[in-house]
């Protein structure tokens, strides 16, 4: 058995399945296949062929080609990743997906269509033991790595990983509140395109302004989620979103009122200290003259841009932080699955053996 960063024993290998092989589905798969403590054994998507799955997995416009791996479809039920076989399923009803037959312990729900707890719980009927929703959920327990993952309990069968914006905002808020106390705040996220936005004007059930050759004013779930993740912040942070026509990498622009009268330099130093300490790999800090594309492929959840912020006086500060809304979030999903596996009271259903520590 290998050991994680916390020194705890890691079950080897944790077997996962993915429902929905879109942007997040493919990137979670990429992250999982880079690790030695997790195994992707099955993918369910009734709307795309195995050949197309393999092609889209290998070639990614934003994150590049997977040149180090030999990826191809063996047949309609299997694709191969450097000799590792992944079962391909095509069920439309969640309760009918035979996860148990493939030995899947954790299902990553990536379709965006089943965000309610009872909806995602349909995966359990097919033999899955746990379900992770990649997005905001109104009623499932919600977690952000670096903020409240210690609140996870093994009896939770369906959990939410919130949104990528929430994963950027909450570590920053946690540090500021722990160090100085946050009275209130207003956040705007300038967010790259998602699967919701369309290239050309067309009917949209979500927003009449979804033609992506625009800057689109929108809503964000991040400020709804933060009160559940950090209860002391409930009702203290408001926010909105702008969708912009870039493929990946986003930012948050946050104005805070702090309890303590401190300088902007003290605020930056506190964040830098945590970025190099307890939140290393999750929180980042930069003083470079950077732009959004510089953060594509960055696996951290939140990178403070120290040069872009300022003090507004009287305890008010304006901060900006970058994040790769795809790659960073996908890393947190996989890391939380490992955390869930560690927390199981009866982990005997996981296959274990001696292995080197995962990078």
Protein backbone atom coordinates (compact mmCIF):
# COMPACT_ATOMS: atom_id res chain seq x y z
CA UNK A 1 0.00 0.00 0.00
CA UNK A 2 1.25 3.47 -0.89
CA UNK A 3 1.11 6.55 1.31
CA UNK A 4 -0.40 9.89 0.46
CA UNK A 5 0.91 13.32 1.36
CA UNK A 6 -0.76 13.06 4.77
CA UNK A 7 1.10 9.83 5.51
CA UNK A 8 -2.09 7.77 5.42
CA UNK A 9 -2.24 4.43 3.65
CA UNK A 10 -3.72 4.73 0.15
CA UNK A 11 -5.92 1.88 -1.13
CA UNK A 12 -4.39 0.70 -4.40
CA UNK A 13 -6.07 0.85 -6.89
CA UNK A 14 -9.26 2.86 -6.47
CA UNK A 15 -11.54 1.82 -9.31
CA UNK A 16 -13.62 4.57 -10.92
CA UNK A 17 -16.20 4.95 -13.65
CA UNK A 18 -17.17 8.13 -15.49
CA UNK A 19 -20.66 9.03 -16.67
CA UNK A 20 -20.52 11.56 -19.50
CA UNK A 21 -17.38 11.87 -21.63
CA UNK A 22 -17.49 15.59 -22.35
CA UNK A 23 -14.96 18.20 -21.20
CA UNK A 24 -14.82 17.24 -17.53
CA UNK A 25 -15.25 13.53 -18.21
CA UNK A 26 -12.24 13.41 -20.51
CA UNK A 27 -10.05 15.58 -18.29
CA UNK A 28 -10.87 13.63 -15.13
CA UNK A 29 -9.91 10.54 -17.14
CA UNK A 30 -6.61 12.16 -18.16
CA UNK A 31 -5.75 13.01 -14.57
CA UNK A 32 -6.75 9.56 -13.33
CA UNK A 33 -4.68 7.76 -15.95
CA UNK A 34 -1.60 9.76 -14.94
CA UNK A 35 -1.75 8.38 -11.39
CA UNK A 36 -0.77 5.01 -9.98
CA UNK A 37 -3.35 4.93 -7.17
CA UNK A 38 -6.52 5.12 -9.27
CA UNK A 39 -7.83 3.05 -12.16
CA UNK A 40 -10.37 4.08 -14.77
CA UNK A 41 -12.29 0.92 -15.59
CA UNK A 42 -15.48 2.09 -17.34
CA UNK A 43 -17.02 5.07 -19.15
CA UNK A 44 -20.73 5.47 -19.87
CA UNK A 45 -21.95 7.76 -22.63
CA UNK A 46 -24.84 6.71 -24.87
CA UNK A 47 -24.41 9.58 -27.32
CA UNK A 48 -20.92 9.08 -28.79
CA UNK A 49 -19.17 6.12 -30.39
CA UNK A 50 -16.12 4.38 -28.97
CA UNK A 51 -14.00 5.56 -31.92
CA UNK A 52 -15.03 9.15 -31.26
CA UNK A 53 -14.36 8.77 -27.53
CA UNK A 54 -10.84 7.54 -28.18
CA UNK A 55 -10.15 10.29 -30.72
CA UNK A 56 -11.45 13.13 -28.53
CA UNK A 57 -9.58 11.73 -25.55
CA UNK A 58 -6.29 11.67 -27.43
CA UNK A 59 -6.65 15.05 -29.18
CA UNK A 60 -7.68 18.09 -27.15
CA UNK A 61 -7.73 21.58 -28.65
CA UNK A 62 -6.93 23.25 -25.33
CA UNK A 63 -4.75 20.77 -23.47
CA UNK A 64 -2.99 19.18 -26.40
CA UNK A 65 -2.40 15.70 -27.73
CA UNK A 66 -1.61 12.82 -25.41
CA UNK A 67 1.58 11.88 -27.23
CA UNK A 68 2.92 9.59 -24.52
CA UNK A 69 0.01 7.16 -24.70
CA UNK A 70 -1.25 4.73 -27.34
CA UNK A 71 -5.02 5.27 -27.40
CA UNK A 72 -7.42 3.51 -29.73
CA UNK A 73 -10.82 1.80 -29.82
CA UNK A 74 -10.51 -1.99 -29.78
CA UNK A 75 -14.21 -2.45 -30.51
CA UNK A 76 -17.54 -0.83 -29.63
CA UNK A 77 -17.23 -1.96 -26.00
CA UNK A 78 -13.57 -1.20 -25.26
CA UNK A 79 -10.86 1.36 -25.80
CA UNK A 80 -7.24 0.84 -24.91
CA UNK A 81 -4.94 3.30 -23.14
CA UNK A 82 -1.33 2.10 -23.37
CA UNK A 83 -2.48 -1.46 -22.88
CA UNK A 84 -5.04 -0.65 -20.16
CA UNK A 85 -8.55 -1.62 -21.24
CA UNK A 86 -11.48 0.67 -20.42
CA UNK A 87 -15.02 -0.68 -20.79
CA UNK A 88 -17.36 1.54 -22.83
CA UNK A 89 -21.06 1.54 -21.91
CA UNK A 90 -24.04 3.22 -23.53
CA UNK A 91 -26.93 3.31 -21.06
CA UNK A 92 -29.33 6.27 -20.87
CA UNK A 93 -30.92 5.34 -17.53
CA UNK A 94 -28.50 5.76 -14.62
CA UNK A 95 -30.02 2.89 -12.65
CA UNK A 96 -29.31 0.49 -15.52
CA UNK A 97 -25.56 1.17 -15.81
CA UNK A 98 -23.88 -2.04 -14.55
CA UNK A 99 -21.08 -0.42 -12.57
CA UNK A 100 -20.93 -3.33 -10.17
CA UNK A 101 -20.23 -5.82 -12.95
CA UNK A 102 -17.09 -3.86 -13.79
CA UNK A 103 -15.94 -3.48 -10.21
CA UNK A 104 -16.49 0.28 -10.12
CA UNK A 105 -16.37 1.77 -6.62
CA UNK A 106 -16.65 5.49 -7.42
CA UNK A 107 -18.69 7.05 -10.22
CA UNK A 108 -17.85 10.57 -11.38
CA UNK A 109 -21.08 12.14 -12.64
CA UNK A 110 -19.90 14.50 -15.39
CA UNK A 111 -22.99 15.06 -17.54
CA UNK A 112 -24.20 18.15 -15.69
CA UNK A 113 -27.72 16.75 -15.88
CA UNK A 114 -27.98 15.02 -12.49
CA UNK A 115 -27.01 17.52 -9.82
CA UNK A 116 -29.65 16.61 -7.25
CA UNK A 117 -28.74 13.99 -4.67
CA UNK A 118 -31.60 11.60 -5.48
CA UNK A 119 -30.86 11.85 -9.21
CA UNK A 120 -27.17 11.00 -8.85
CA UNK A 121 -28.00 8.25 -6.34
CA UNK A 122 -29.48 6.23 -9.21
CA UNK A 123 -25.88 5.15 -9.96
CA UNK A 124 -25.91 3.21 -6.68
CA UNK A 125 -28.60 0.89 -8.05
CA UNK A 126 -26.11 -0.33 -10.66
CA UNK A 127 -23.54 -1.29 -8.05
CA UNK A 128 -21.53 1.90 -7.56
CA UNK A 129 -20.58 2.58 -3.95
CA UNK A 130 -20.04 6.34 -4.13
CA UNK A 131 -21.00 9.13 -6.56
CA UNK A 132 -19.15 12.42 -7.08
CA UNK A 133 -21.10 15.20 -8.84
CA UNK A 134 -18.84 17.55 -10.82
CA UNK A 135 -20.75 20.73 -10.15
CA UNK A 136 -22.95 22.58 -7.70
CA UNK A 137 -25.70 20.61 -5.98
CA UNK A 138 -28.58 22.09 -4.02
CA UNK A 139 -28.85 19.16 -1.62
CA UNK A 140 -25.81 16.84 -1.79
CA UNK A 141 -22.99 17.33 0.75
CA UNK A 142 -20.49 19.68 -0.89
CA UNK A 143 -16.71 19.67 -0.58
CA UNK A 144 -13.73 21.70 -1.76
CA UNK A 145 -10.23 20.31 -1.28
CA UNK A 146 -8.22 22.61 0.98
CA UNK A 147 -11.35 23.99 2.63
CA UNK A 148 -13.65 21.37 4.16
CA UNK A 149 -12.62 17.92 2.94
CA UNK A 150 -12.11 16.90 6.58
CA UNK A 151 -15.89 17.15 7.04
CA UNK A 152 -16.43 14.17 4.73
CA UNK A 153 -17.96 11.12 6.42
CA UNK A 154 -17.85 7.60 5.04
CA UNK A 155 -21.66 7.32 5.21
CA UNK A 156 -22.00 9.99 2.49
CA UNK A 157 -22.74 8.08 -0.71
CA UNK A 158 -23.38 11.06 -3.00
CA UNK A 159 -21.28 14.23 -2.81
CA UNK A 160 -20.76 17.40 -4.84
CA UNK A 161 -17.42 18.99 -5.72
CA UNK A 162 -19.07 22.40 -6.31
CA UNK A 163 -17.93 24.43 -9.33
CA UNK A 164 -14.48 25.38 -10.59
CA UNK A 165 -15.16 28.99 -9.57
CA UNK A 166 -16.09 27.85 -6.07
CA UNK A 167 -12.86 25.85 -5.90
CA UNK A 168 -10.97 29.05 -6.72
CA UNK A 169 -12.88 31.39 -4.41
CA UNK A 170 -13.20 29.37 -1.20
CA UNK A 171 -9.50 28.66 -0.44
CA UNK A 172 -8.80 32.38 -0.83
CA UNK A 173 -11.71 33.35 1.42
CA UNK A 174 -10.71 30.73 4.00
CA UNK A 175 -7.18 32.12 4.30
CA UNK A 176 -8.38 35.71 4.60
CA UNK A 177 -11.07 34.85 7.12
CA UNK A 178 -8.75 32.70 9.24
CA UNK A 179 -6.03 35.37 9.25
CA UNK A 180 -7.94 38.66 9.37
CA UNK A 181 -11.68 37.99 9.44
CA UNK A 182 -13.89 38.77 6.44
CA UNK A 183 -16.79 41.16 7.04
CA UNK A 184 -18.23 41.05 3.52
CA UNK A 185 -17.25 40.72 -0.10
CA UNK A 186 -18.35 41.00 -3.72
CA UNK A 187 -17.00 38.65 -6.38
CA UNK A 188 -17.11 38.72 -10.16
CA UNK A 189 -15.83 35.75 -12.11
CA UNK A 190 -14.67 36.30 -15.69
CA UNK A 191 -15.14 32.79 -16.97
CA UNK A 192 -14.10 31.06 -20.18
CA UNK A 193 -16.61 29.19 -22.31
CA UNK A 194 -18.33 26.08 -21.04
CA UNK A 195 -20.46 23.51 -22.86
CA UNK A 196 -23.49 25.77 -22.27
CA UNK A 197 -22.37 28.57 -24.58
CA UNK A 198 -22.89 28.11 -28.32
CA UNK A 199 -20.68 29.33 -31.15
CA UNK A 200 -23.63 30.81 -33.05
CA UNK A 201 -26.90 32.35 -31.93
CA UNK A 202 -29.43 29.58 -31.37
CA UNK A 203 -32.24 28.69 -28.94
CA UNK A 204 -31.08 28.20 -25.36
CA UNK A 205 -33.09 26.87 -22.45
CA UNK A 206 -30.73 28.48 -19.93
CA UNK A 207 -30.07 32.02 -21.12
CA UNK A 208 -31.30 34.15 -24.02
CA UNK A 209 -27.79 35.65 -24.31
CA UNK A 210 -25.84 32.44 -24.92
CA UNK A 211 -24.24 33.28 -28.29
CA UNK A 212 -20.57 33.04 -27.30
CA UNK A 213 -19.15 35.77 -29.56
CA UNK A 214 -20.11 38.15 -26.76
CA UNK A 215 -19.30 39.05 -23.19
CA UNK A 216 -22.29 37.52 -21.42
CA UNK A 217 -23.53 38.62 -17.98
CA UNK A 218 -24.52 35.53 -16.03
CA UNK A 219 -24.97 34.08 -12.56
CA UNK A 220 -22.61 31.97 -10.46
CA UNK A 221 -23.24 29.25 -7.91
CA UNK A 222 -20.00 30.08 -6.07
CA UNK A 223 -21.50 32.63 -3.71
CA UNK A 224 -24.39 30.27 -2.94
CA UNK A 225 -21.97 27.47 -2.14
CA UNK A 226 -19.55 29.39 0.06
CA UNK A 227 -21.92 29.60 3.02
CA UNK A 228 -22.25 25.81 3.01
CA UNK A 229 -18.50 25.29 2.72
CA UNK A 230 -17.49 27.98 5.23
CA UNK A 231 -20.56 28.51 7.47
CA UNK A 232 -19.15 31.75 8.94
CA UNK A 233 -19.31 33.23 5.44
CA UNK A 234 -22.99 32.50 4.92
CA UNK A 235 -24.62 35.56 3.36
CA UNK A 236 -21.42 37.63 3.44
CA UNK A 237 -20.24 37.13 -0.16
CA UNK A 238 -22.28 38.19 -3.19
CA UNK A 239 -21.34 37.73 -6.80
CA UNK A 240 -22.01 37.42 -10.50
CA UNK A 241 -20.29 36.09 -13.60
CA UNK A 242 -19.23 37.16 -17.07
CA UNK A 243 -18.77 34.52 -19.75
CA UNK A 244 -16.11 35.50 -22.28
CA UNK A 245 -15.14 33.89 -25.63
CA UNK A 246 -11.89 32.24 -24.51
CA UNK A 247 -11.45 28.47 -24.52
CA UNK A 248 -9.99 27.97 -21.04
CA UNK A 249 -8.56 29.73 -17.96
CA UNK A 250 -10.66 32.14 -15.92
CA UNK A 251 -10.31 34.63 -13.09
CA UNK A 252 -12.11 35.92 -10.04
CA UNK A 253 -12.15 39.61 -9.09
CA UNK A 254 -13.07 40.00 -5.41
CA UNK A 255 -13.51 43.06 -3.21
CA UNK A 256 -13.29 42.31 0.54
CA UNK A 257 -13.87 44.24 3.75
CA UNK A 258 -11.64 42.77 6.48
CA UNK A 259 -12.05 42.93 10.25
CA UNK A 260 -8.44 43.92 10.82
CA UNK A 261 -6.75 47.05 9.54
CA UNK A 262 -3.81 45.61 7.61
CA UNK A 263 -1.81 46.55 4.53
CA UNK A 264 -2.12 45.05 1.07
CA UNK A 265 1.38 43.64 1.52
CA UNK A 266 0.26 41.80 4.67
CA UNK A 267 -2.69 40.32 2.81
CA UNK A 268 -0.43 39.10 0.00
CA UNK A 269 2.11 37.70 2.46
CA UNK A 270 -0.59 35.72 4.28
CA UNK A 271 -1.77 34.17 1.03
CA UNK A 272 1.79 33.48 -0.14
CA UNK A 273 2.58 31.77 3.18
CA UNK A 274 -0.35 29.38 2.82
CA UNK A 275 0.42 28.81 -0.87
CA UNK A 276 3.89 27.62 0.13
CA UNK A 277 2.63 25.76 3.19
CA UNK A 278 -0.59 23.94 4.06
CA UNK A 279 -2.32 24.79 0.76
CA UNK A 280 0.61 24.09 -1.55
CA UNK A 281 -0.67 22.63 -4.81
CA UNK A 282 -4.12 24.16 -4.25
CA UNK A 283 -3.44 27.85 -3.66
CA UNK A 284 -0.84 29.74 -5.69
CA UNK A 285 0.83 33.14 -5.71
CA UNK A 286 2.46 35.08 -8.54
CA UNK A 287 4.02 38.50 -9.02
CA UNK A 288 4.65 37.94 -12.72
CA UNK A 289 2.99 39.88 -15.53
CA UNK A 290 0.71 37.02 -16.53
CA UNK A 291 -2.33 36.61 -18.77
CA UNK A 292 -5.05 33.97 -18.86
CA UNK A 293 -3.34 31.54 -21.24
CA UNK A 294 -0.34 31.38 -18.91
CA UNK A 295 -2.52 29.40 -16.51
CA UNK A 296 -3.81 26.79 -18.94
CA UNK A 297 -2.55 23.47 -17.63
CA UNK A 298 -2.01 24.78 -14.08
CA UNK A 299 -3.34 22.19 -11.65
CA UNK A 300 -3.79 24.61 -8.74
CA UNK A 301 -7.30 25.79 -7.84
CA UNK A 302 -6.46 29.46 -7.28
CA UNK A 303 -3.42 31.61 -8.14
CA UNK A 304 -3.38 35.10 -6.61
CA UNK A 305 -2.14 37.78 -9.01
CA UNK A 306 -0.36 40.05 -6.52
CA UNK A 307 0.31 42.79 -9.08
CA UNK A 308 -3.37 43.05 -10.05
CA UNK A 309 -4.78 43.73 -6.59
CA UNK A 310 -4.87 46.87 -4.47
CA UNK A 311 -5.94 48.40 -1.19
CA UNK A 312 -9.06 50.56 -1.28
CA UNK A 313 -8.49 51.91 2.24
CA UNK A 314 -10.40 51.42 5.51
CA UNK A 315 -9.96 47.65 5.44
CA UNK A 316 -11.20 47.21 1.87
CA UNK A 317 -9.13 45.24 -0.65
CA UNK A 318 -9.52 44.19 -4.25
CA UNK A 319 -7.91 40.86 -5.22
CA UNK A 320 -7.63 38.97 -8.49
CA UNK A 321 -6.90 35.27 -8.85
CA UNK A 322 -6.53 33.00 -11.89
CA UNK A 323 -7.56 29.38 -12.39
CA UNK A 324 -7.69 26.78 -15.12
CA UNK A 325 -11.38 26.01 -14.82
CA UNK A 326 -10.89 22.57 -16.42
CA UNK A 327 -7.51 21.17 -15.43
CA UNK A 328 -7.30 22.42 -11.85
CA UNK A 329 -10.84 21.31 -11.07
CA UNK A 330 -10.26 17.84 -12.55
CA UNK A 331 -7.25 17.38 -10.27
CA UNK A 332 -9.33 18.26 -7.20
CA UNK A 333 -12.02 15.74 -8.21
CA UNK A 334 -9.49 12.92 -8.43
CA UNK A 335 -7.75 13.96 -5.21
CA UNK A 336 -11.05 14.00 -3.36
CA UNK A 337 -11.87 10.50 -4.60
CA UNK A 338 -8.61 9.32 -3.03
CA UNK A 339 -9.55 11.16 0.17
CA UNK A 340 -12.93 9.43 0.19
CA UNK A 341 -11.23 6.07 -0.26
CA UNK A 342 -8.96 6.78 2.70
CA UNK A 343 -11.95 7.60 4.87
CA UNK A 344 -13.82 4.37 4.25
CA UNK A 345 -14.38 2.48 7.47
CA UNK A 346 -14.31 -0.88 5.70
CA UNK A 347 -11.97 -0.48 2.73
CA UNK A 348 -11.58 -4.21 2.10
CA UNK A 349 -13.38 -3.98 -1.24
CA UNK A 350 -10.41 -2.02 -2.60
CA UNK A 351 -7.53 -4.04 -3.99
CA UNK A 352 -4.33 -3.06 -2.14
CA UNK A 353 -0.66 -3.71 -2.63
CA UNK A 354 2.72 -2.07 -2.11
CA UNK A 355 3.31 0.82 -4.49
CA UNK A 356 5.35 3.96 -4.61
CA UNK A 357 3.81 7.23 -3.50
CA UNK A 358 1.69 8.93 -6.16
CA UNK A 359 3.07 12.17 -7.53
